[in-house]
């Protein structure tokens, strides 16, 4: 499968995954309100070379692309 990532067409393999843990980040505003934010992965792709082999960064970490959705909940003071 191919995706266009940052203007470049790349080979990818969609990875199956299981949600293990998902937390909210919570921020207290100076006016006493709060904002909660949570990013949720929708799809995870492993980047591949022309031969279908996984690509790695210089530090050995695999090259991945994740599509996410961000949920935001704001509560006034």
N, C-alpha and C. Protein backbone atom coordinates (compact mmCIF):
# COMPACT_ATOMS: atom_id res chain seq x y z
N UNK A 1 0.85 -1.16 0.00
CA UNK A 1 0.00 0.00 0.00
C UNK A 1 0.91 1.24 0.00
N UNK A 2 0.44 2.30 -0.61
CA UNK A 2 1.21 3.54 -0.65
C UNK A 2 0.40 4.67 -0.03
N UNK A 3 1.10 5.55 0.67
CA UNK A 3 0.50 6.76 1.23
C UNK A 3 1.34 7.94 0.79
N UNK A 4 0.72 9.10 0.72
CA UNK A 4 1.47 10.34 0.51
C UNK A 4 1.68 10.96 1.88
N UNK A 5 2.94 11.03 2.29
CA UNK A 5 3.31 11.57 3.59
C UNK A 5 4.25 12.74 3.37
N UNK A 6 3.84 13.90 3.85
CA UNK A 6 4.63 15.12 3.69
C UNK A 6 5.02 15.33 2.23
N UNK A 7 4.06 15.09 1.32
CA UNK A 7 4.26 15.34 -0.10
C UNK A 7 5.03 14.26 -0.85
N UNK A 8 5.38 13.17 -0.18
CA UNK A 8 6.16 12.11 -0.82
C UNK A 8 5.38 10.79 -0.73
N UNK A 9 5.30 10.07 -1.86
CA UNK A 9 4.63 8.77 -1.86
C UNK A 9 5.57 7.72 -1.27
N UNK A 10 5.08 7.01 -0.26
CA UNK A 10 5.91 6.00 0.42
C UNK A 10 5.14 4.69 0.53
N UNK A 11 5.89 3.59 0.58
CA UNK A 11 5.31 2.27 0.81
C UNK A 11 5.07 2.11 2.31
N UNK A 12 3.90 1.57 2.67
CA UNK A 12 3.57 1.35 4.07
C UNK A 12 2.84 0.03 4.22
N UNK A 13 2.83 -0.45 5.46
CA UNK A 13 2.02 -1.61 5.82
C UNK A 13 1.18 -1.17 7.02
N UNK A 14 -0.15 -1.32 6.92
CA UNK A 14 -1.00 -0.97 8.05
C UNK A 14 -0.84 -2.04 9.13
N UNK A 15 -0.61 -1.60 10.35
CA UNK A 15 -0.40 -2.51 11.47
C UNK A 15 -1.71 -2.67 12.26
N UNK A 16 -2.01 -3.88 12.63
CA UNK A 16 -3.13 -4.12 13.54
C UNK A 16 -2.64 -3.77 14.94
N UNK A 17 -3.54 -3.25 15.76
CA UNK A 17 -3.13 -2.92 17.13
C UNK A 17 -4.31 -3.07 18.08
N UNK A 18 -3.96 -3.17 19.35
CA UNK A 18 -4.93 -3.28 20.42
C UNK A 18 -4.70 -2.11 21.37
N UNK A 19 -5.76 -1.42 21.72
CA UNK A 19 -5.65 -0.31 22.68
C UNK A 19 -5.30 -0.87 24.05
N UNK A 20 -4.21 -0.39 24.62
CA UNK A 20 -3.77 -0.84 25.94
C UNK A 20 -4.15 0.19 27.00
N UNK A 21 -3.89 1.48 26.71
CA UNK A 21 -4.18 2.52 27.68
C UNK A 21 -4.33 3.84 26.94
N UNK A 22 -5.29 4.63 27.36
CA UNK A 22 -5.51 5.94 26.75
C UNK A 22 -5.88 6.89 27.87
N UNK A 23 -5.10 7.95 28.05
CA UNK A 23 -5.34 8.90 29.13
C UNK A 23 -5.67 10.28 28.60
N UNK A 24 -6.29 11.07 29.44
CA UNK A 24 -6.57 12.47 29.17
C UNK A 24 -5.46 13.31 29.76
N UNK A 25 -5.09 14.39 29.07
CA UNK A 25 -4.24 15.44 29.64
C UNK A 25 -5.20 16.53 30.10
N UNK A 26 -5.02 17.01 31.31
CA UNK A 26 -5.93 18.02 31.84
C UNK A 26 -5.16 19.28 32.20
N UNK A 27 -5.71 20.42 31.80
CA UNK A 27 -5.07 21.71 32.00
C UNK A 27 -6.02 22.62 32.76
N UNK A 28 -5.51 23.27 33.81
CA UNK A 28 -6.31 24.23 34.57
C UNK A 28 -6.02 25.62 34.03
N UNK A 29 -7.06 26.32 33.62
CA UNK A 29 -6.91 27.66 33.09
C UNK A 29 -6.82 28.68 34.22
N UNK A 30 -6.19 29.81 33.96
CA UNK A 30 -6.03 30.84 34.99
C UNK A 30 -7.36 31.38 35.49
N UNK A 31 -8.42 31.29 34.66
CA UNK A 31 -9.74 31.76 35.10
C UNK A 31 -10.50 30.71 35.88
N UNK A 32 -9.88 29.54 36.13
CA UNK A 32 -10.50 28.49 36.92
C UNK A 32 -11.14 27.38 36.09
N UNK A 33 -11.26 27.59 34.80
CA UNK A 33 -11.80 26.55 33.93
C UNK A 33 -10.78 25.45 33.69
N UNK A 34 -11.23 24.40 33.01
CA UNK A 34 -10.32 23.31 32.66
C UNK A 34 -10.51 22.92 31.19
N UNK A 35 -9.46 22.41 30.62
CA UNK A 35 -9.50 21.84 29.28
C UNK A 35 -8.86 20.46 29.36
N UNK A 36 -9.57 19.47 28.83
CA UNK A 36 -9.05 18.10 28.78
C UNK A 36 -8.83 17.74 27.32
N UNK A 37 -7.68 17.09 27.03
CA UNK A 37 -7.31 16.74 25.66
C UNK A 37 -6.85 15.28 25.63
N UNK A 38 -7.33 14.56 24.61
CA UNK A 38 -6.90 13.17 24.44
C UNK A 38 -6.68 12.91 22.96
N UNK A 39 -5.51 12.39 22.60
CA UNK A 39 -5.22 11.98 21.23
C UNK A 39 -5.46 10.47 21.13
N UNK A 40 -6.18 10.07 20.08
CA UNK A 40 -6.50 8.66 19.88
C UNK A 40 -5.99 8.22 18.52
N UNK A 41 -5.22 7.13 18.49
CA UNK A 41 -4.71 6.59 17.22
C UNK A 41 -5.86 5.95 16.46
N UNK A 42 -5.96 6.28 15.18
CA UNK A 42 -6.99 5.70 14.32
C UNK A 42 -6.39 4.57 13.47
N UNK A 43 -5.20 4.86 12.89
CA UNK A 43 -4.49 3.87 12.07
C UNK A 43 -3.00 4.02 12.32
N UNK A 44 -2.29 2.90 12.28
CA UNK A 44 -0.84 2.90 12.47
C UNK A 44 -0.22 2.21 11.26
N UNK A 45 0.76 2.88 10.66
CA UNK A 45 1.44 2.34 9.47
C UNK A 45 2.93 2.22 9.73
N UNK A 46 3.53 1.16 9.24
CA UNK A 46 4.99 0.98 9.27
C UNK A 46 5.51 1.36 7.88
N UNK A 47 6.51 2.24 7.83
CA UNK A 47 7.08 2.66 6.56
C UNK A 47 8.03 1.58 6.04
N UNK A 48 7.97 1.34 4.71
CA UNK A 48 8.74 0.27 4.07
C UNK A 48 9.61 0.82 2.95
N UNK A 49 10.70 0.13 2.67
CA UNK A 49 11.53 0.51 1.52
C UNK A 49 10.93 -0.07 0.24
N UNK A 50 11.63 0.09 -0.89
CA UNK A 50 11.13 -0.36 -2.18
C UNK A 50 10.94 -1.88 -2.23
N UNK A 51 11.67 -2.61 -1.40
CA UNK A 51 11.59 -4.07 -1.37
C UNK A 51 10.58 -4.59 -0.35
N UNK A 52 9.89 -3.66 0.34
CA UNK A 52 8.91 -4.07 1.33
C UNK A 52 9.48 -4.33 2.71
N UNK A 53 10.74 -3.94 2.93
CA UNK A 53 11.38 -4.13 4.23
C UNK A 53 11.16 -2.88 5.10
N UNK A 54 11.00 -3.06 6.42
CA UNK A 54 10.78 -1.91 7.30
C UNK A 54 11.95 -0.93 7.27
N UNK A 55 11.61 0.35 7.35
CA UNK A 55 12.61 1.42 7.43
C UNK A 55 12.85 1.78 8.89
N UNK A 56 14.09 2.19 9.19
CA UNK A 56 14.46 2.57 10.55
C UNK A 56 15.15 3.92 10.54
N UNK A 57 14.98 4.66 11.64
CA UNK A 57 15.71 5.92 11.83
C UNK A 57 17.16 5.58 12.17
N UNK A 58 18.03 6.58 12.16
CA UNK A 58 19.45 6.37 12.47
C UNK A 58 19.66 5.78 13.86
N UNK A 59 18.74 6.07 14.80
CA UNK A 59 18.89 5.55 16.17
C UNK A 59 18.30 4.16 16.34
N UNK A 60 17.84 3.53 15.23
CA UNK A 60 17.33 2.17 15.29
C UNK A 60 15.83 2.07 15.51
N UNK A 61 15.17 3.18 15.74
CA UNK A 61 13.72 3.16 15.94
C UNK A 61 13.02 2.96 14.59
N UNK A 62 11.94 2.16 14.56
CA UNK A 62 11.23 1.96 13.30
C UNK A 62 10.52 3.24 12.86
N UNK A 63 10.43 3.43 11.56
CA UNK A 63 9.71 4.59 11.03
C UNK A 63 8.23 4.23 10.93
N UNK A 64 7.40 4.98 11.65
CA UNK A 64 5.97 4.73 11.72
C UNK A 64 5.22 6.01 11.35
N UNK A 65 3.98 5.86 10.90
CA UNK A 65 3.09 6.99 10.64
C UNK A 65 1.78 6.66 11.32
N UNK A 66 1.29 7.58 12.13
CA UNK A 66 0.07 7.35 12.89
C UNK A 66 -0.94 8.43 12.55
N UNK A 67 -2.15 8.02 12.18
CA UNK A 67 -3.23 8.99 12.01
C UNK A 67 -4.01 9.02 13.32
N UNK A 68 -4.34 10.23 13.77
CA UNK A 68 -4.99 10.38 15.06
C UNK A 68 -6.21 11.28 14.96
N UNK A 69 -7.01 11.22 15.99
CA UNK A 69 -8.08 12.18 16.20
C UNK A 69 -7.85 12.76 17.59
N UNK A 70 -8.18 14.02 17.77
CA UNK A 70 -7.98 14.68 19.06
C UNK A 70 -9.33 15.07 19.63
N UNK A 71 -9.58 14.63 20.84
CA UNK A 71 -10.81 14.97 21.55
C UNK A 71 -10.50 16.07 22.55
N UNK A 72 -11.36 17.09 22.61
CA UNK A 72 -11.17 18.21 23.53
C UNK A 72 -12.46 18.45 24.29
N UNK A 73 -12.35 18.57 25.61
CA UNK A 73 -13.50 18.90 26.47
C UNK A 73 -13.11 20.12 27.28
N UNK A 74 -13.88 21.19 27.15
CA UNK A 74 -13.61 22.43 27.90
C UNK A 74 -14.74 22.63 28.91
N UNK A 75 -14.34 22.98 30.13
CA UNK A 75 -15.31 23.28 31.18
C UNK A 75 -15.03 24.66 31.75
N UNK A 76 -16.02 25.54 31.72
CA UNK A 76 -15.81 26.87 32.30
C UNK A 76 -15.69 26.77 33.81
N UNK A 77 -15.17 27.81 34.41
CA UNK A 77 -15.02 27.80 35.88
C UNK A 77 -16.34 27.78 36.59
